Amino acid sequence: MARTPALEGAEVLCHPSNLVLDLCQDVMVTRCLESRVFAITANRTGTEERPFGSTSFTGGSQITGPDGRLLRMGSPGGTEVGTALPETCLARDKSMTPENDLFSDRSPEFYRLRRSCGYLSEPQ
């Protein structure tokens, strides 16, 4: 979800969402670390009644940095506005350590991504 846009130069991912599991916000921390990008997750709150029950949304909208730090996090309920001024130069640095660069250390000769109808297919 984050790697392909990052490889194409994205520095900030906008992630409108309807998250229903508490762990989903934590997953965005991982995505940001893996691809060294910022992510802005705007999540729903409250409960939606449906024909066969209800669905509750976890709230907790957040802005996450490329180092996995939470720059802003909303509460599980209610409506809030949070801002952060991302230093996008941090998202351009793909180094995890002086010896480890997320993008230059890749080995794309062992896999390939193929576009088909706008979607990426599995490596062959």
C-alpha atoms as a PDB file:
ATOM      1  CA  MET A   1       0.000   0.000   0.000  1.00  0.00           C
ATOM      2  CA  ALA A   2       2.840   2.391   0.742  1.00  0.00           C
ATOM      3  CA  ARG A   3       5.832   1.024  -1.162  1.00  0.00           C
ATOM      4  CA  THR A   4       4.682   1.593  -4.743  1.00  0.00           C
ATOM      5  CA  PRO A   5       3.699   5.258  -4.222  1.00  0.00           C
ATOM      6  CA  ALA A   6       6.967   5.790  -2.305  1.00  0.00           C
ATOM      7  CA  LEU A   7       8.981   4.261  -5.145  1.00  0.00           C
ATOM      8  CA  GLU A   8       7.212   6.669  -7.500  1.00  0.00           C
ATOM      9  CA  GLY A   9       8.232   9.643  -5.342  1.00  0.00           C
ATOM     10  CA  ALA A  10       5.358  10.082  -2.873  1.00  0.00           C
ATOM     11  CA  GLU A  11       6.446  11.660   0.390  1.00  0.00           C
ATOM     12  CA  VAL A  12       3.031  11.954   2.074  1.00  0.00           C
ATOM     13  CA  LEU A  13       0.277   9.332   1.856  1.00  0.00           C
ATOM     14  CA  CYS A  14      -3.305  10.465   2.447  1.00  0.00           C
ATOM     15  CA  HIS A  15      -5.257   7.591   3.933  1.00  0.00           C
ATOM     16  CA  PRO A  16      -9.012   8.173   4.314  1.00  0.00           C
ATOM     17  CA  SER A  17     -10.334   5.150   6.176  1.00  0.00           C
ATOM     18  CA  ASN A  18     -13.145   3.283   7.896  1.00  0.00           C
ATOM     19  CA  LEU A  19     -11.029   1.332  10.396  1.00  0.00           C
ATOM     20  CA  VAL A  20     -12.863  -1.067  12.695  1.00  0.00           C
ATOM     21  CA  LEU A  21      -9.930  -2.828  14.418  1.00  0.00           C
ATOM     22  CA  ASP A  22      -7.814  -1.076  17.056  1.00  0.00           C
ATOM     23  CA  LEU A  23      -4.564  -2.439  15.619  1.00  0.00           C
ATOM     24  CA  CYS A  24      -5.037  -0.770  12.222  1.00  0.00           C
ATOM     25  CA  GLN A  25      -3.532   2.531  13.365  1.00  0.00           C
ATOM     26  CA  ASP A  26      -0.420   0.650  14.507  1.00  0.00           C
ATOM     27  CA  VAL A  27      -0.098  -0.868  11.039  1.00  0.00           C
ATOM     28  CA  MET A  28       0.310   2.613   9.551  1.00  0.00           C
ATOM     29  CA  VAL A  29       3.357   3.123  11.777  1.00  0.00           C
ATOM     30  CA  THR A  30       4.858   0.025  10.148  1.00  0.00           C
ATOM     31  CA  ARG A  31       3.971   1.185   6.618  1.00  0.00           C
ATOM     32  CA  CYS A  32       5.678   4.531   7.263  1.00  0.00           C
ATOM     33  CA  LEU A  33       8.806   2.844   8.603  1.00  0.00           C
ATOM     34  CA  GLU A  34       8.967   0.371   5.714  1.00  0.00           C
ATOM     35  CA  SER A  35       8.828   3.062   3.041  1.00  0.00           C
ATOM     36  CA  ARG A  36      10.035   6.148   4.968  1.00  0.00           C
ATOM     37  CA  VAL A  37       6.954   8.255   4.155  1.00  0.00           C
ATOM     38  CA  PHE A  38       4.510  10.403   6.099  1.00  0.00           C
ATOM     39  CA  ALA A  39       0.919   9.168   6.376  1.00  0.00           C
ATOM     40  CA  ILE A  40      -2.198  11.107   7.230  1.00  0.00           C
ATOM     41  CA  THR A  41      -4.904   8.679   8.333  1.00  0.00           C
ATOM     42  CA  ALA A  42      -8.373  10.209   8.606  1.00  0.00           C
ATOM     43  CA  ASN A  43     -10.615   7.646  10.276  1.00  0.00           C
ATOM     44  CA  ARG A  44     -14.326   7.527  11.045  1.00  0.00           C
ATOM     45  CA  THR A  45     -15.809   7.487  14.533  1.00  0.00           C
ATOM     46  CA  GLY A  46     -19.133   6.321  15.897  1.00  0.00           C
ATOM     47  CA  THR A  47     -21.362   3.422  14.991  1.00  0.00           C
ATOM     48  CA  GLU A  48     -23.253   2.707  11.790  1.00  0.00           C
ATOM     49  CA  GLU A  49     -26.422   0.636  11.931  1.00  0.00           C
ATOM     50  CA  ARG A  50     -26.665  -2.007   9.232  1.00  0.00           C
ATOM     51  CA  PRO A  51     -29.318  -4.571   8.288  1.00  0.00           C
ATOM     52  CA  PHE A  52     -27.505  -7.403  10.105  1.00  0.00           C
ATOM     53  CA  GLY A  53     -26.032  -5.503  13.055  1.00  0.00           C
ATOM     54  CA  SER A  54     -23.863  -2.490  13.587  1.00  0.00           C
ATOM     55  CA  THR A  55     -20.294  -1.494  12.789  1.00  0.00           C
ATOM     56  CA  SER A  56     -18.243   0.627  15.171  1.00  0.00           C
ATOM     57  CA  PHE A  57     -15.328   2.672  13.891  1.00  0.00           C
ATOM     58  CA  THR A  58     -12.196   3.161  15.994  1.00  0.00           C
ATOM     59  CA  GLY A  59     -11.465   6.845  15.386  1.00  0.00           C
ATOM     60  CA  GLY A  60      -7.863   7.594  16.291  1.00  0.00           C
ATOM     61  CA  SER A  61      -7.000   9.549  13.161  1.00  0.00           C
ATOM     62  CA  GLN A  62      -3.276  10.194  13.061  1.00  0.00           C
ATOM     63  CA  ILE A  63      -0.337  11.774  11.321  1.00  0.00           C
ATOM     64  CA  THR A  64       2.685   9.474  11.264  1.00  0.00           C
ATOM     65  CA  GLY A  65       6.267  10.360  10.360  1.00  0.00           C
ATOM     66  CA  PRO A  66       8.705   8.369   8.206  1.00  0.00           C
ATOM     67  CA  ASP A  67      10.488   7.259  11.383  1.00  0.00           C
ATOM     68  CA  GLY A  68       7.237   5.803  12.762  1.00  0.00           C
ATOM     69  CA  ARG A  69       6.685   8.605  15.288  1.00  0.00           C
ATOM     70  CA  LEU A  70       3.112   9.706  15.823  1.00  0.00           C
ATOM     71  CA  LEU A  71       3.063  13.435  15.171  1.00  0.00           C
ATOM     72  CA  ARG A  72      -0.644  13.794  16.031  1.00  0.00           C
ATOM     73  CA  MET A  73      -3.284  11.321  17.177  1.00  0.00           C
ATOM     74  CA  GLY A  74      -6.980  11.852  17.634  1.00  0.00           C
ATOM     75  CA  SER A  75      -9.125  10.244  20.284  1.00  0.00           C
ATOM     76  CA  PRO A  76     -11.239   7.153  19.614  1.00  0.00           C
ATOM     77  CA  GLY A  77     -14.463   9.187  19.666  1.00  0.00           C
ATOM     78  CA  GLY A  78     -15.518  12.681  18.754  1.00  0.00           C
ATOM     79  CA  THR A  79     -14.484  15.068  16.044  1.00  0.00           C
ATOM     80  CA  GLU A  80     -11.119  16.791  16.240  1.00  0.00           C
ATOM     81  CA  VAL A  81      -8.755  18.724  14.033  1.00  0.00           C
ATOM     82  CA  GLY A  82      -5.025  18.094  14.267  1.00  0.00           C
ATOM     83  CA  THR A  83      -2.205  19.499  12.205  1.00  0.00           C
ATOM     84  CA  ALA A  84       1.479  18.869  11.721  1.00  0.00           C
ATOM     85  CA  LEU A  85       3.986  20.449   9.394  1.00  0.00           C
ATOM     86  CA  PRO A  86       5.833  17.523   7.820  1.00  0.00           C
ATOM     87  CA  GLU A  87       9.432  18.124   6.860  1.00  0.00           C
ATOM     88  CA  THR A  88       9.211  16.270   3.571  1.00  0.00           C
ATOM     89  CA  CYS A  89      13.001  16.150   3.227  1.00  0.00           C
ATOM     90  CA  LEU A  90      12.841  13.435   5.929  1.00  0.00           C
ATOM     91  CA  ALA A  91      10.749  11.294   3.565  1.00  0.00           C
ATOM     92  CA  ARG A  92      13.359  11.666   0.812  1.00  0.00           C
ATOM     93  CA  ASP A  93      16.023  10.028   2.969  1.00  0.00           C
ATOM     94  CA  LYS A  94      15.515   6.276   2.582  1.00  0.00           C
ATOM     95  CA  SER A  95      18.428   5.321   4.850  1.00  0.00           C
ATOM     96  CA  MET A  96      17.593   3.214   7.879  1.00  0.00           C
ATOM     97  CA  THR A  97      21.269   3.149   8.912  1.00  0.00           C
ATOM     98  CA  PRO A  98      24.442   4.329   7.132  1.00  0.00           C
ATOM     99  CA  GLU A  99      24.736   0.792   5.696  1.00  0.00           C
ATOM    100  CA  ASN A 100      21.055   0.176   4.910  1.00  0.00           C
ATOM    101  CA  ASP A 101      19.037   2.081   2.301  1.00  0.00           C
ATOM    102  CA  LEU A 102      15.478   0.879   1.773  1.00  0.00           C
ATOM    103  CA  PHE A 103      15.387   1.524  -1.943  1.00  0.00           C
ATOM    104  CA  SER A 104      18.949   1.101  -3.198  1.00  0.00           C
ATOM    105  CA  ASP A 105      19.270  -2.223  -1.307  1.00  0.00           C
ATOM    106  CA  ARG A 106      16.301  -3.704  -3.162  1.00  0.00           C
ATOM    107  CA  SER A 107      16.864  -6.599  -5.587  1.00  0.00           C
ATOM    108  CA  PRO A 108      14.185  -6.071  -8.233  1.00  0.00           C
ATOM    109  CA  GLU A 109      15.903  -8.549 -10.533  1.00  0.00           C
ATOM    110  CA  PHE A 110      14.349 -11.253  -8.320  1.00  0.00           C
ATOM    111  CA  TYR A 111      10.796 -10.007  -8.787  1.00  0.00           C
ATOM    112  CA  ARG A 112       8.803  -7.653 -10.931  1.00  0.00           C
ATOM    113  CA  LEU A 113       5.578  -5.738 -10.605  1.00  0.00           C
ATOM    114  CA  ARG A 114       3.323  -5.824 -13.592  1.00  0.00           C
ATOM    115  CA  ARG A 115       0.421  -3.455 -14.101  1.00  0.00           C
ATOM    116  CA  SER A 116      -2.807  -5.010 -15.281  1.00  0.00           C
ATOM    117  CA  CYS A 117      -6.012  -2.941 -15.495  1.00  0.00           C
ATOM    118  CA  GLY A 118      -4.597  -0.427 -13.028  1.00  0.00           C
ATOM    119  CA  TYR A 119      -3.749  -3.051 -10.388  1.00  0.00           C
ATOM    120  CA  LEU A 120      -0.441  -4.639  -9.554  1.00  0.00           C
ATOM    121  CA  SER A 121      -0.280  -8.375 -10.152  1.00  0.00           C
ATOM    122  CA  GLU A 122       1.680 -10.873  -8.113  1.00  0.00           C
ATOM    123  CA  PRO A 123       5.373 -11.355  -8.970  1.00  0.00           C
ATOM    124  CA  GLN A 124       5.987 -14.228 -11.375  1.00  0.00           C
END
